[in-house]
Protein backbone atom coordinates (compact mmCIF):
# COMPACT_ATOMS: atom_id res chain seq x y z
CA MET A 1 -14.27 -11.14 7.02
CA TYR A 2 -12.50 -12.32 3.87
CA LEU A 3 -10.91 -8.95 3.54
CA VAL A 4 -8.94 -9.63 7.12
CA ILE A 5 -7.08 -12.94 4.76
CA TRP A 6 -6.09 -10.79 2.38
CA ALA A 7 -5.43 -7.60 4.38
CA ALA A 8 -3.33 -9.79 6.91
CA PHE A 9 -1.77 -12.21 3.76
CA PHE A 10 -0.59 -8.75 1.94
CA GLN A 11 1.07 -7.76 5.34
CA ILE A 12 2.87 -10.30 5.56
CA LEU A 13 4.58 -10.67 1.84
CA PHE A 14 4.94 -7.07 2.08
CA ILE A 15 7.42 -7.39 5.43
CA PHE A 16 8.63 -10.22 3.77
CA PHE A 17 9.79 -8.90 -0.01
CA SER A 18 9.81 -5.39 0.86
CA PRO A 19 12.78 -3.26 -0.90
CA LEU A 20 11.96 -0.70 1.48
CA GLY A 21 13.30 0.64 4.96
CA ASP A 22 12.27 0.01 8.10
CA ALA A 23 10.64 3.46 8.42
CA ALA A 24 8.99 3.48 5.01
CA ASN A 25 7.69 -0.50 6.17
CA LEU A 26 6.40 0.71 9.16
CA ALA A 27 4.93 3.36 7.03
CA VAL A 28 2.41 1.24 5.31
CA HIS A 29 2.58 -1.45 7.61
CA PHE A 30 0.76 0.46 10.32
CA PRO A 31 -2.30 1.19 8.34
CA VAL A 32 -3.14 -1.93 6.91
CA ALA A 33 -2.90 -3.25 10.61
CA VAL A 34 -5.13 -0.88 11.90
CA ALA A 35 -7.19 -2.23 8.96
CA ILE A 36 -7.11 -5.62 9.79
CA LEU A 37 -7.97 -4.64 13.54
CA VAL A 38 -10.66 -2.43 12.80
CA LEU A 39 -11.96 -5.45 9.92
CA ALA A 40 -11.63 -7.95 12.75
CA PHE A 41 -13.68 -6.55 15.30
CA ILE A 42 -16.48 -5.53 12.31
CA SER A 43 -16.25 -9.40 11.85
CA TYR A 44 -16.66 -10.04 15.54
CA ARG A 45 -19.35 -7.65 16.13
CA GLY A 46 -21.35 -9.06 12.62
CA THR A 47 -21.45 -12.37 13.66
CA LYS A 48 -22.60 -11.66 17.14
CA GLN A 49 -25.71 -10.41 16.40
CA THR A 50 -26.97 -13.18 14.29
CA THR A 51 -28.08 -16.24 14.37
CA CYS A 52 -25.18 -18.11 13.63
CA PRO A 53 -24.05 -21.00 15.16
CA ASP A 54 -22.05 -20.30 18.87
CA ARG A 55 -18.65 -21.99 17.29
CA ILE A 56 -18.61 -19.19 14.46
CA LYS A 57 -18.84 -16.55 16.96
CA ARG A 58 -16.25 -17.98 18.58
CA ILE A 59 -14.11 -18.41 15.86
CA THR A 60 -14.93 -14.58 15.45
CA LYS A 61 -13.91 -13.57 18.81
CA THR A 62 -10.96 -15.24 18.85
CA THR A 63 -9.71 -14.04 15.69
CA TRP A 64 -10.52 -10.24 16.95
CA THR A 65 -8.57 -10.90 20.44
CA LEU A 66 -5.25 -12.38 18.07
CA ALA A 67 -5.56 -8.93 16.72
CA LEU A 68 -5.44 -7.26 19.27
CA VAL A 69 -2.69 -9.36 20.54
CA GLN A 70 -1.25 -8.77 17.26
CA GLY A 71 -1.02 -4.80 17.94
CA VAL A 72 0.47 -4.93 21.02
CA LEU A 73 3.70 -7.47 20.05
CA GLY A 74 3.39 -4.72 16.76
CA ILE A 75 4.03 -1.90 18.90
CA VAL A 76 6.68 -3.84 20.92
CA LEU A 77 8.86 -4.68 17.65
CA ALA A 78 8.01 -0.68 16.13
CA LEU A 79 9.44 0.51 19.66
CA ASP A 80 12.54 -1.98 18.33
CA VAL A 81 12.59 -0.49 15.09
CA MET A 82 12.93 2.83 16.24
CA LEU A 83 14.84 2.65 19.29
CA SER A 84 17.43 -0.01 18.14
CA TRP A 85 17.15 -2.49 20.91
CA GLY A 86 18.20 -5.56 18.53
CA SER A 87 17.89 -8.01 21.75
CA ILE A 88 16.97 -12.27 21.81
CA PHE A 89 13.57 -10.17 23.36
CA THR A 90 12.75 -9.16 20.19
CA SER A 91 13.55 -12.23 17.56
CA ILE A 92 10.98 -13.93 19.69
CA VAL A 93 8.45 -11.04 19.66
CA GLY A 94 9.04 -10.97 16.05
CA PHE A 95 8.36 -14.58 15.74
CA LEU A 96 5.53 -14.67 17.79
CA HIS A 97 4.41 -11.63 16.02
CA LEU A 98 4.73 -13.61 12.73
CA GLY A 99 3.02 -16.78 14.00
CA ASN A 100 -0.03 -14.69 15.39
CA ALA A 101 -0.41 -13.37 11.71
CA LEU A 102 -0.97 -16.63 10.49
CA ALA A 103 -3.05 -17.66 12.82
CA ILE A 104 -5.16 -14.53 12.70
CA ILE A 105 -5.37 -15.74 8.61
CA THR A 106 -6.32 -19.22 9.80
CA GLN A 107 -8.85 -18.27 12.15
CA ALA A 108 -10.50 -15.92 9.39
CA SER A 109 -10.64 -18.17 6.89
CA SER A 110 -12.41 -20.88 8.98
CA SER A 111 -14.96 -18.35 10.37
CA ALA A 112 -15.73 -17.21 6.65
CA THR A 113 -16.13 -20.43 5.33
CA ALA A 114 -18.32 -21.35 8.11
CA TYR A 115 -20.59 -18.31 7.82
CA ASP A 116 -20.45 -18.96 4.42
CA MET A 117 -21.89 -22.37 4.64
CA TRP A 118 -24.10 -21.65 7.37
CA GLU A 119 -25.45 -18.27 5.39
CA GLU A 120 -26.48 -21.20 2.56
CA LYS A 121 -28.07 -23.36 4.67
CA GLU A 122 -25.14 -26.17 3.85
CA PHE A 123 -25.55 -27.20 7.55
CA GLN A 124 -29.06 -28.89 7.14
CA ILE A 125 -29.38 -32.27 6.71
CA GLN A 126 -31.63 -33.25 3.16
CA GLN A 127 -33.91 -35.80 3.65
CA LEU A 128 -33.78 -38.35 0.87
CA VAL A 129 -37.02 -38.64 -0.67
């Protein structure tokens, strides 16, 4: 689960601070985006097969759904780069793409922390003796 967080974080930093051109950015951005998609699915499927609380399962499912939406938004932006549309629509999609990336980091962080706490039995109430 933590790999999703770090991969998404790297993606955001790379795009904002990359000295490469648009085509080179896409060449790096695309494989990392696919990795995030795969990792989000693996996290979702992995938690679904455990007895962890349903809330954690729902969060990982949401992360997976956000990753799918992110892919669709990314395809729209990639088409814009290739076809040079350059409209207000593209700016809105870019804003949604960034917001969605931040949501993926947030959701993945939440589920990773909660899963670790569940796995370490930190949810159980300790009896006072």
